Amino acid sequence: MREVSATEFQTRAGLYIEQSGKEPVLITKHRRPARVLLDIEEYERLKARDTRQAYATQDLPDEWAAALEAADYGEADPKLETLIK
């Protein structure tokens, strides 16, 4: 994986966009990983593997809602209880 600083990426963005078609480009900021530039086909392949799904409370499957209602969450912190009231 190619690694470049954010400053270097800004200077030569076109080059790194082209290189990301061959391999991911890791963009660092203050020597820490910040972003990865990927080819769109690789991104779509990875995204297709993500099977997570978010639900609104009212849309939860019945068995999940029942399991949440039956769960023991332990003793509630009294400080949090005052926020609810």
PDB file of N, CA and C in Angstrom:
ATOM      1  N   MET A   1       0.853  -1.175   0.000  1.00  0.00           N
ATOM      2  CA  MET A   1       0.000   0.000   0.000  1.00  0.00           C
ATOM      3  C   MET A   1       0.898   1.236   0.000  1.00  0.00           C
ATOM      4  N   ARG A   2       0.611   2.133  -0.889  1.00  0.00           N
ATOM      5  CA  ARG A   2       1.362   3.390  -0.977  1.00  0.00           C
ATOM      6  C   ARG A   2       0.948   4.293   0.172  1.00  0.00           C
ATOM      7  N   GLU A   3       1.904   4.991   0.787  1.00  0.00           N
ATOM      8  CA  GLU A   3       1.612   5.895   1.903  1.00  0.00           C
ATOM      9  C   GLU A   3       2.133   7.288   1.568  1.00  0.00           C
ATOM     10  N   VAL A   4       1.251   8.297   1.720  1.00  0.00           N
ATOM     11  CA  VAL A   4       1.642   9.680   1.447  1.00  0.00           C
ATOM     12  C   VAL A   4       1.052  10.594   2.516  1.00  0.00           C
ATOM     13  N   SER A   5       1.709  11.713   2.736  1.00  0.00           N
ATOM     14  CA  SER A   5       1.172  12.693   3.678  1.00  0.00           C
ATOM     15  C   SER A   5       0.028  13.450   3.014  1.00  0.00           C
ATOM     16  N   ALA A   6      -0.824  14.042   3.822  1.00  0.00           N
ATOM     17  CA  ALA A   6      -1.940  14.827   3.290  1.00  0.00           C
ATOM     18  C   ALA A   6      -1.428  15.974   2.429  1.00  0.00           C
ATOM     19  N   THR A   7      -0.329  16.593   2.847  1.00  0.00           N
ATOM     20  CA  THR A   7       0.248  17.698   2.076  1.00  0.00           C
ATOM     21  C   THR A   7       0.712  17.216   0.712  1.00  0.00           C
ATOM     22  N   GLU A   8       1.419  16.083   0.692  1.00  0.00           N
ATOM     23  CA  GLU A   8       1.884  15.506  -0.569  1.00  0.00           C
ATOM     24  C   GLU A   8       0.695  15.124  -1.448  1.00  0.00           C
ATOM     25  N   PHE A   9      -0.347  14.572  -0.833  1.00  0.00           N
ATOM     26  CA  PHE A   9      -1.534  14.200  -1.606  1.00  0.00           C
ATOM     27  C   PHE A   9      -2.154  15.433  -2.259  1.00  0.00           C
ATOM     28  N   GLN A  10      -2.279  16.526  -1.520  1.00  0.00           N
ATOM     29  CA  GLN A  10      -2.858  17.755  -2.081  1.00  0.00           C
ATOM     30  C   GLN A  10      -2.025  18.269  -3.251  1.00  0.00           C
ATOM     31  N   THR A  11      -0.720  18.126  -3.140  1.00  0.00           N
ATOM     32  CA  THR A  11       0.171  18.617  -4.189  1.00  0.00           C
ATOM     33  C   THR A  11       0.057  17.796  -5.468  1.00  0.00           C
ATOM     34  N   ARG A  12      -0.105  16.478  -5.326  1.00  0.00           N
ATOM     35  CA  ARG A  12      -0.086  15.584  -6.490  1.00  0.00           C
ATOM     36  C   ARG A  12      -1.296  14.665  -6.513  1.00  0.00           C
ATOM     37  N   ALA A  13      -2.472  15.213  -6.259  1.00  0.00           N
ATOM     38  CA  ALA A  13      -3.700  14.405  -6.151  1.00  0.00           C
ATOM     39  C   ALA A  13      -3.938  13.546  -7.383  1.00  0.00           C
ATOM     40  N   GLY A  14      -3.763  14.103  -8.563  1.00  0.00           N
ATOM     41  CA  GLY A  14      -4.008  13.345  -9.792  1.00  0.00           C
ATOM     42  C   GLY A  14      -3.182  12.080  -9.869  1.00  0.00           C
ATOM     43  N   LEU A  15      -1.919  12.176  -9.501  1.00  0.00           N
ATOM     44  CA  LEU A  15      -1.032  11.013  -9.509  1.00  0.00           C
ATOM     45  C   LEU A  15      -1.544   9.933  -8.574  1.00  0.00           C
ATOM     46  N   TYR A  16      -1.932  10.328  -7.362  1.00  0.00           N
ATOM     47  CA  TYR A  16      -2.375   9.337  -6.377  1.00  0.00           C
ATOM     48  C   TYR A  16      -3.753   8.770  -6.708  1.00  0.00           C
ATOM     49  N   ILE A  17      -4.576   9.545  -7.347  1.00  0.00           N
ATOM     50  CA  ILE A  17      -5.865   9.011  -7.817  1.00  0.00           C
ATOM     51  C   ILE A  17      -5.608   7.912  -8.844  1.00  0.00           C
ATOM     52  N   GLU A  18      -4.668   8.143  -9.758  1.00  0.00           N
ATOM     53  CA  GLU A  18      -4.308   7.114 -10.742  1.00  0.00           C
ATOM     54  C   GLU A  18      -3.711   5.889 -10.055  1.00  0.00           C
ATOM     55  N   GLN A  19      -2.814   6.096  -9.101  1.00  0.00           N
ATOM     56  CA  GLN A  19      -2.179   4.971  -8.416  1.00  0.00           C
ATOM     57  C   GLN A  19      -3.174   4.156  -7.613  1.00  0.00           C
ATOM     58  N   SER A  20      -4.235   4.802  -7.111  1.00  0.00           N
ATOM     59  CA  SER A  20      -5.221   4.063  -6.320  1.00  0.00           C
ATOM     60  C   SER A  20      -5.981   3.038  -7.158  1.00  0.00           C
ATOM     61  N   GLY A  21      -5.899   3.144  -8.478  1.00  0.00           N
ATOM     62  CA  GLY A  21      -6.486   2.134  -9.351  1.00  0.00           C
ATOM     63  C   GLY A  21      -5.707   0.835  -9.322  1.00  0.00           C
ATOM     64  N   LYS A  22      -4.442   0.901  -8.898  1.00  0.00           N
ATOM     65  CA  LYS A  22      -3.587  -0.288  -8.847  1.00  0.00           C
ATOM     66  C   LYS A  22      -3.452  -0.834  -7.436  1.00  0.00           C
ATOM     67  N   GLU A  23      -3.406   0.074  -6.457  1.00  0.00           N
ATOM     68  CA  GLU A  23      -3.289  -0.318  -5.058  1.00  0.00           C
ATOM     69  C   GLU A  23      -3.834   0.811  -4.189  1.00  0.00           C
ATOM     70  N   PRO A  24      -4.332   0.494  -2.998  1.00  0.00           N
ATOM     71  CA  PRO A  24      -4.837   1.552  -2.113  1.00  0.00           C
ATOM     72  C   PRO A  24      -3.728   2.540  -1.758  1.00  0.00           C
ATOM     73  N   VAL A  25      -4.119   3.789  -1.561  1.00  0.00           N
ATOM     74  CA  VAL A  25      -3.183   4.835  -1.156  1.00  0.00           C
ATOM     75  C   VAL A  25      -3.589   5.290   0.242  1.00  0.00           C
ATOM     76  N   LEU A  26      -2.678   5.131   1.196  1.00  0.00           N
ATOM     77  CA  LEU A  26      -2.918   5.543   2.579  1.00  0.00           C
ATOM     78  C   LEU A  26      -2.467   6.990   2.726  1.00  0.00           C
ATOM     79  N   ILE A  27      -3.377   7.851   3.159  1.00  0.00           N
ATOM     80  CA  ILE A  27      -3.072   9.266   3.351  1.00  0.00           C
ATOM     81  C   ILE A  27      -2.929   9.507   4.846  1.00  0.00           C
ATOM     82  N   THR A  28      -1.785  10.061   5.233  1.00  0.00           N
ATOM     83  CA  THR A  28      -1.510  10.299   6.645  1.00  0.00           C
ATOM     84  C   THR A  28      -1.601  11.784   6.972  1.00  0.00           C
ATOM     85  N   LYS A  29      -1.914  12.051   8.219  1.00  0.00           N
ATOM     86  CA  LYS A  29      -1.938  13.416   8.725  1.00  0.00           C
ATOM     87  C   LYS A  29      -1.194  13.402  10.047  1.00  0.00           C
ATOM     88  N   HIS A  30      -0.151  14.189  10.153  1.00  0.00           N
ATOM     89  CA  HIS A  30       0.713  14.197  11.337  1.00  0.00           C
ATOM     90  C   HIS A  30       1.248  12.789  11.616  1.00  0.00           C
ATOM     91  N   ARG A  31       1.619  12.109  10.533  1.00  0.00           N
ATOM     92  CA  ARG A  31       2.204  10.755  10.574  1.00  0.00           C
ATOM     93  C   ARG A  31       1.251   9.674  11.063  1.00  0.00           C
ATOM     94  N   ARG A  32      -0.017   9.980  11.119  1.00  0.00           N
ATOM     95  CA  ARG A  32      -1.012   8.979  11.519  1.00  0.00           C
ATOM     96  C   ARG A  32      -1.954   8.708  10.349  1.00  0.00           C
ATOM     97  N   PRO A  33      -2.393   7.456  10.185  1.00  0.00           N
ATOM     98  CA  PRO A  33      -3.333   7.152   9.095  1.00  0.00           C
ATOM     99  C   PRO A  33      -4.597   7.998   9.234  1.00  0.00           C
ATOM    100  N   ALA A  34      -5.025   8.606   8.125  1.00  0.00           N
ATOM    101  CA  ALA A  34      -6.219   9.450   8.146  1.00  0.00           C
ATOM    102  C   ALA A  34      -7.279   8.966   7.150  1.00  0.00           C
ATOM    103  N   ARG A  35      -6.870   8.596   5.945  1.00  0.00           N
ATOM    104  CA  ARG A  35      -7.802   8.162   4.912  1.00  0.00           C
ATOM    105  C   ARG A  35      -7.125   7.121   4.035  1.00  0.00           C
ATOM    106  N   VAL A  36      -7.966   6.364   3.317  1.00  0.00           N
ATOM    107  CA  VAL A  36      -7.469   5.424   2.315  1.00  0.00           C
ATOM    108  C   VAL A  36      -8.212   5.710   1.020  1.00  0.00           C
ATOM    109  N   LEU A  37      -7.465   5.877  -0.031  1.00  0.00           N
ATOM    110  CA  LEU A  37      -8.043   6.096  -1.354  1.00  0.00           C
ATOM    111  C   LEU A  37      -8.030   4.762  -2.088  1.00  0.00           C
ATOM    112  N   LEU A  38      -9.225   4.296  -2.494  1.00  0.00           N
ATOM    113  CA  LEU A  38      -9.376   2.987  -3.143  1.00  0.00           C
ATOM    114  C   LEU A  38      -9.968   3.133  -4.526  1.00  0.00           C
ATOM    115  N   ASP A  39      -9.721   2.150  -5.346  1.00  0.00           N
ATOM    116  CA  ASP A  39     -10.413   2.025  -6.613  1.00  0.00           C
ATOM    117  C   ASP A  39     -11.896   1.774  -6.324  1.00  0.00           C
ATOM    118  N   ILE A  40     -12.777   2.330  -7.110  1.00  0.00           N
ATOM    119  CA  ILE A  40     -14.219   2.213  -6.859  1.00  0.00           C
ATOM    120  C   ILE A  40     -14.677   0.754  -6.877  1.00  0.00           C
ATOM    121  N   GLU A  41     -14.106  -0.076  -7.721  1.00  0.00           N
ATOM    122  CA  GLU A  41     -14.502  -1.492  -7.752  1.00  0.00           C
ATOM    123  C   GLU A  41     -14.148  -2.194  -6.442  1.00  0.00           C
ATOM    124  N   GLU A  42     -12.989  -1.859  -5.885  1.00  0.00           N
ATOM    125  CA  GLU A  42     -12.590  -2.457  -4.607  1.00  0.00           C
ATOM    126  C   GLU A  42     -13.508  -1.972  -3.491  1.00  0.00           C
ATOM    127  N   TYR A  43     -13.845  -0.694  -3.515  1.00  0.00           N
ATOM    128  CA  TYR A  43     -14.771  -0.150  -2.515  1.00  0.00           C
ATOM    129  C   TYR A  43     -16.113  -0.868  -2.598  1.00  0.00           C
ATOM    130  N   GLU A  44     -16.658  -1.020  -3.798  1.00  0.00           N
ATOM    131  CA  GLU A  44     -17.947  -1.689  -3.962  1.00  0.00           C
ATOM    132  C   GLU A  44     -17.882  -3.146  -3.526  1.00  0.00           C
ATOM    133  N   ARG A  45     -16.761  -3.825  -3.782  1.00  0.00           N
ATOM    134  CA  ARG A  45     -16.594  -5.217  -3.342  1.00  0.00           C
ATOM    135  C   ARG A  45     -16.623  -5.288  -1.818  1.00  0.00           C
ATOM    136  N   LEU A  46     -15.907  -4.384  -1.164  1.00  0.00           N
ATOM    137  CA  LEU A  46     -15.887  -4.371   0.297  1.00  0.00           C
ATOM    138  C   LEU A  46     -17.261  -4.004   0.861  1.00  0.00           C
ATOM    139  N   LYS A  47     -17.912  -3.047   0.253  1.00  0.00           N
ATOM    140  CA  LYS A  47     -19.228  -2.608   0.722  1.00  0.00           C
ATOM    141  C   LYS A  47     -20.254  -3.730   0.602  1.00  0.00           C
ATOM    142  N   ALA A  48     -20.157  -4.533  -0.433  1.00  0.00           N
ATOM    143  CA  ALA A  48     -21.097  -5.647  -0.635  1.00  0.00           C
ATOM    144  C   ALA A  48     -20.960  -6.691   0.463  1.00  0.00           C
ATOM    145  N   ARG A  49     -19.788  -6.784   1.069  1.00  0.00           N
ATOM    146  CA  ARG A  49     -19.570  -7.764   2.148  1.00  0.00           C
ATOM    147  C   ARG A  49     -20.125  -7.283   3.476  1.00  0.00           C
ATOM    148  N   ASP A  50     -20.462  -6.011   3.580  1.00  0.00           N
ATOM    149  CA  ASP A  50     -20.971  -5.440   4.832  1.00  0.00           C
ATOM    150  C   ASP A  50     -22.460  -5.748   4.937  1.00  0.00           C
ATOM    151  N   THR A  51     -22.812  -6.671   5.810  1.00  0.00           N
ATOM    152  CA  THR A  51     -24.210  -7.090   5.939  1.00  0.00           C
ATOM    153  C   THR A  51     -24.904  -6.472   7.140  1.00  0.00           C
ATOM    154  N   ARG A  52     -24.225  -5.532   7.799  1.00  0.00           N
ATOM    155  CA  ARG A  52     -24.851  -4.891   8.956  1.00  0.00           C
ATOM    156  C   ARG A  52     -26.079  -4.111   8.515  1.00  0.00           C
ATOM    157  N   GLN A  53     -27.046  -4.020   9.404  1.00  0.00           N
ATOM    158  CA  GLN A  53     -28.264  -3.283   9.107  1.00  0.00           C
ATOM    159  C   GLN A  53     -28.715  -2.557  10.364  1.00  0.00           C
ATOM    160  N   ALA A  54     -29.110  -1.325  10.198  1.00  0.00           N
ATOM    161  CA  ALA A  54     -29.615  -0.541  11.328  1.00  0.00           C
ATOM    162  C   ALA A  54     -31.145  -0.552  11.289  1.00  0.00           C
ATOM    163  N   TYR A  55     -31.738  -0.571  12.473  1.00  0.00           N
ATOM    164  CA  TYR A  55     -33.191  -0.582  12.582  1.00  0.00           C
ATOM    165  C   TYR A  55     -33.641   0.587  13.444  1.00  0.00           C
ATOM    166  N   ALA A  56     -34.754   1.190  13.080  1.00  0.00           N
ATOM    167  CA  ALA A  56     -35.424   2.122  13.983  1.00  0.00           C
ATOM    168  C   ALA A  56     -36.088   1.264  15.056  1.00  0.00           C
ATOM    169  N   THR A  57     -36.250   1.802  16.242  1.00  0.00           N
ATOM    170  CA  THR A  57     -36.806   1.034  17.362  1.00  0.00           C
ATOM    171  C   THR A  57     -38.112   0.343  16.980  1.00  0.00           C
ATOM    172  N   GLN A  58     -38.992   1.055  16.323  1.00  0.00           N
ATOM    173  CA  GLN A  58     -40.300   0.478  15.981  1.00  0.00           C
ATOM    174  C   GLN A  58     -40.211  -0.598  14.896  1.00  0.00           C
ATOM    175  N   ASP A  59     -39.077  -0.697  14.211  1.00  0.00           N
ATOM    176  CA  ASP A  59     -38.926  -1.681  13.143  1.00  0.00           C
ATOM    177  C   ASP A  59     -38.139  -2.929  13.551  1.00  0.00           C
ATOM    178  N   LEU A  60     -37.739  -3.008  14.830  1.00  0.00           N
ATOM    179  CA  LEU A  60     -37.000  -4.180  15.286  1.00  0.00           C
ATOM    180  C   LEU A  60     -37.841  -5.436  15.145  1.00  0.00           C
ATOM    181  N   PRO A  61     -37.220  -6.540  14.741  1.00  0.00           N
ATOM    182  CA  PRO A  61     -37.965  -7.805  14.748  1.00  0.00           C
ATOM    183  C   PRO A  61     -38.473  -8.091  16.163  1.00  0.00           C
ATOM    184  N   ASP A  62     -39.657  -8.687  16.279  1.00  0.00           N
ATOM    185  CA  ASP A  62     -40.296  -8.923  17.579  1.00  0.00           C
ATOM    186  C   ASP A  62     -39.392  -9.672  18.556  1.00  0.00           C
ATOM    187  N   GLU A  63     -38.678 -10.695  18.058  1.00  0.00           N
ATOM    188  CA  GLU A  63     -37.837 -11.478  18.967  1.00  0.00           C
ATOM    189  C   GLU A  63     -36.668 -10.647  19.504  1.00  0.00           C
ATOM    190  N   TRP A  64     -36.164  -9.712  18.728  1.00  0.00           N
ATOM    191  CA  TRP A  64     -35.084  -8.843  19.200  1.00  0.00           C
ATOM    192  C   TRP A  64     -35.611  -7.872  20.254  1.00  0.00           C
ATOM    193  N   ALA A  65     -36.781  -7.304  19.996  1.00  0.00           N
ATOM    194  CA  ALA A  65     -37.380  -6.375  20.954  1.00  0.00           C
ATOM    195  C   ALA A  65     -37.655  -7.090  22.275  1.00  0.00           C
ATOM    196  N   ALA A  66     -38.156  -8.315  22.207  1.00  0.00           N
ATOM    197  CA  ALA A  66     -38.430  -9.084  23.421  1.00  0.00           C
ATOM    198  C   ALA A  66     -37.136  -9.384  24.175  1.00  0.00           C
ATOM    199  N   ALA A  67     -36.077  -9.712  23.466  1.00  0.00           N
ATOM    200  CA  ALA A  67     -34.795  -9.998  24.112  1.00  0.00           C
ATOM    201  C   ALA A  67     -34.245  -8.747  24.799  1.00  0.00           C
ATOM    202  N   LEU A  68     -34.401  -7.602  24.179  1.00  0.00           N
ATOM    203  CA  LEU A  68     -33.940  -6.352  24.797  1.00  0.00           C
ATOM    204  C   LEU A  68     -34.752  -6.020  26.049  1.00  0.00           C
ATOM    205  N   GLU A  69     -36.049  -6.244  25.984  1.00  0.00           N
ATOM    206  CA  GLU A  69     -36.907  -5.969  27.140  1.00  0.00           C
ATOM    207  C   GLU A  69     -36.589  -6.909  28.302  1.00  0.00           C
ATOM    208  N   ALA A  70     -36.207  -8.145  27.998  1.00  0.00           N
ATOM    209  CA  ALA A  70     -35.948  -9.135  29.042  1.00  0.00           C
ATOM    210  C   ALA A  70     -34.521  -9.051  29.598  1.00  0.00           C
ATOM    211  N   ALA A  71     -33.652  -8.308  28.949  1.00  0.00           N
ATOM    212  CA  ALA A  71     -32.242  -8.258  29.353  1.00  0.00           C
ATOM    213  C   ALA A  71     -32.073  -7.573  30.704  1.00  0.00           C
ATOM    214  N   ASP A  72     -31.082  -8.059  31.461  1.00  0.00           N
ATOM    215  CA  ASP A  72     -30.735  -7.446  32.744  1.00  0.00           C
ATOM    216  C   ASP A  72     -29.532  -6.542  32.515  1.00  0.00           C
ATOM    217  N   TYR A  73     -29.738  -5.268  32.643  1.00  0.00           N
ATOM    218  CA  TYR A  73     -28.675  -4.298  32.389  1.00  0.00           C
ATOM    219  C   TYR A  73     -27.954  -3.893  33.665  1.00  0.00           C
ATOM    220  N   GLY A  74     -28.283  -4.517  34.768  1.00  0.00           N
ATOM    221  CA  GLY A  74     -27.621  -4.212  36.026  1.00  0.00           C
ATOM    222  C   GLY A  74     -28.187  -2.963  36.684  1.00  0.00           C
ATOM    223  N   GLU A  75     -27.549  -2.584  37.765  1.00  0.00           N
ATOM    224  CA  GLU A  75     -27.970  -1.427  38.557  1.00  0.00           C
ATOM    225  C   GLU A  75     -27.762  -0.137  37.765  1.00  0.00           C
ATOM    226  N   ALA A  76     -28.780   0.694  37.737  1.00  0.00           N
ATOM    227  CA  ALA A  76     -28.684   1.974  37.037  1.00  0.00           C
ATOM    228  C   ALA A  76     -27.946   2.987  37.927  1.00  0.00           C
ATOM    229  N   ASP A  77     -27.139   3.804  37.302  1.00  0.00           N
ATOM    230  CA  ASP A  77     -26.428   4.851  38.014  1.00  0.00           C
ATOM    231  C   ASP A  77     -27.445   5.921  38.440  1.00  0.00           C
ATOM    232  N   PRO A  78     -27.524   6.253  39.715  1.00  0.00           N
ATOM    233  CA  PRO A  78     -28.502   7.259  40.170  1.00  0.00           C
ATOM    234  C   PRO A  78     -28.371   8.594  39.448  1.00  0.00           C
ATOM    235  N   LYS A  79     -27.174   8.975  39.055  1.00  0.00           N
ATOM    236  CA  LYS A  79     -26.975  10.227  38.321  1.00  0.00           C
ATOM    237  C   LYS A  79     -27.687  10.189  36.964  1.00  0.00           C
ATOM    238  N   LEU A  80     -27.689   9.024  36.322  1.00  0.00           N
ATOM    239  CA  LEU A  80     -28.396   8.897  35.061  1.00  0.00           C
ATOM    240  C   LEU A  80     -29.903   8.921  35.255  1.00  0.00           C
ATOM    241  N   GLU A  81     -30.366   8.343  36.339  1.00  0.00           N
ATOM    242  CA  GLU A  81     -31.805   8.331  36.629  1.00  0.00           C
ATOM    243  C   GLU A  81     -32.347   9.762  36.738  1.00  0.00           C
ATOM    244  N   THR A  82     -31.567  10.679  37.303  1.00  0.00           N
ATOM    245  CA  THR A  82     -32.039  12.062  37.442  1.00  0.00           C
ATOM    246  C   THR A  82     -32.163  12.737  36.089  1.00  0.00           C
ATOM    247  N   LEU A  83     -31.413  12.283  35.085  1.00  0.00           N
ATOM    248  CA  LEU A  83     -31.524  12.862  33.760  1.00  0.00           C
ATOM    249  C   LEU A  83     -32.802  12.451  33.063  1.00  0.00           C
ATOM    250  N   ILE A  84     -33.308  11.287  33.389  1.00  0.00           N
ATOM    251  CA  ILE A  84     -34.515  10.760  32.749  1.00  0.00           C
ATOM    252  C   ILE A  84     -35.764  11.478  33.256  1.00  0.00           C
ATOM    253  N   LYS A  85     -35.766  11.869  34.521  1.00  0.00           N
ATOM    254  CA  LYS A  85     -36.955  12.467  35.135  1.00  0.00           C
ATOM    255  C   LYS A  85     -37.175  13.888  34.713  1.00  0.00           C
TER     256      LYS A  85
END
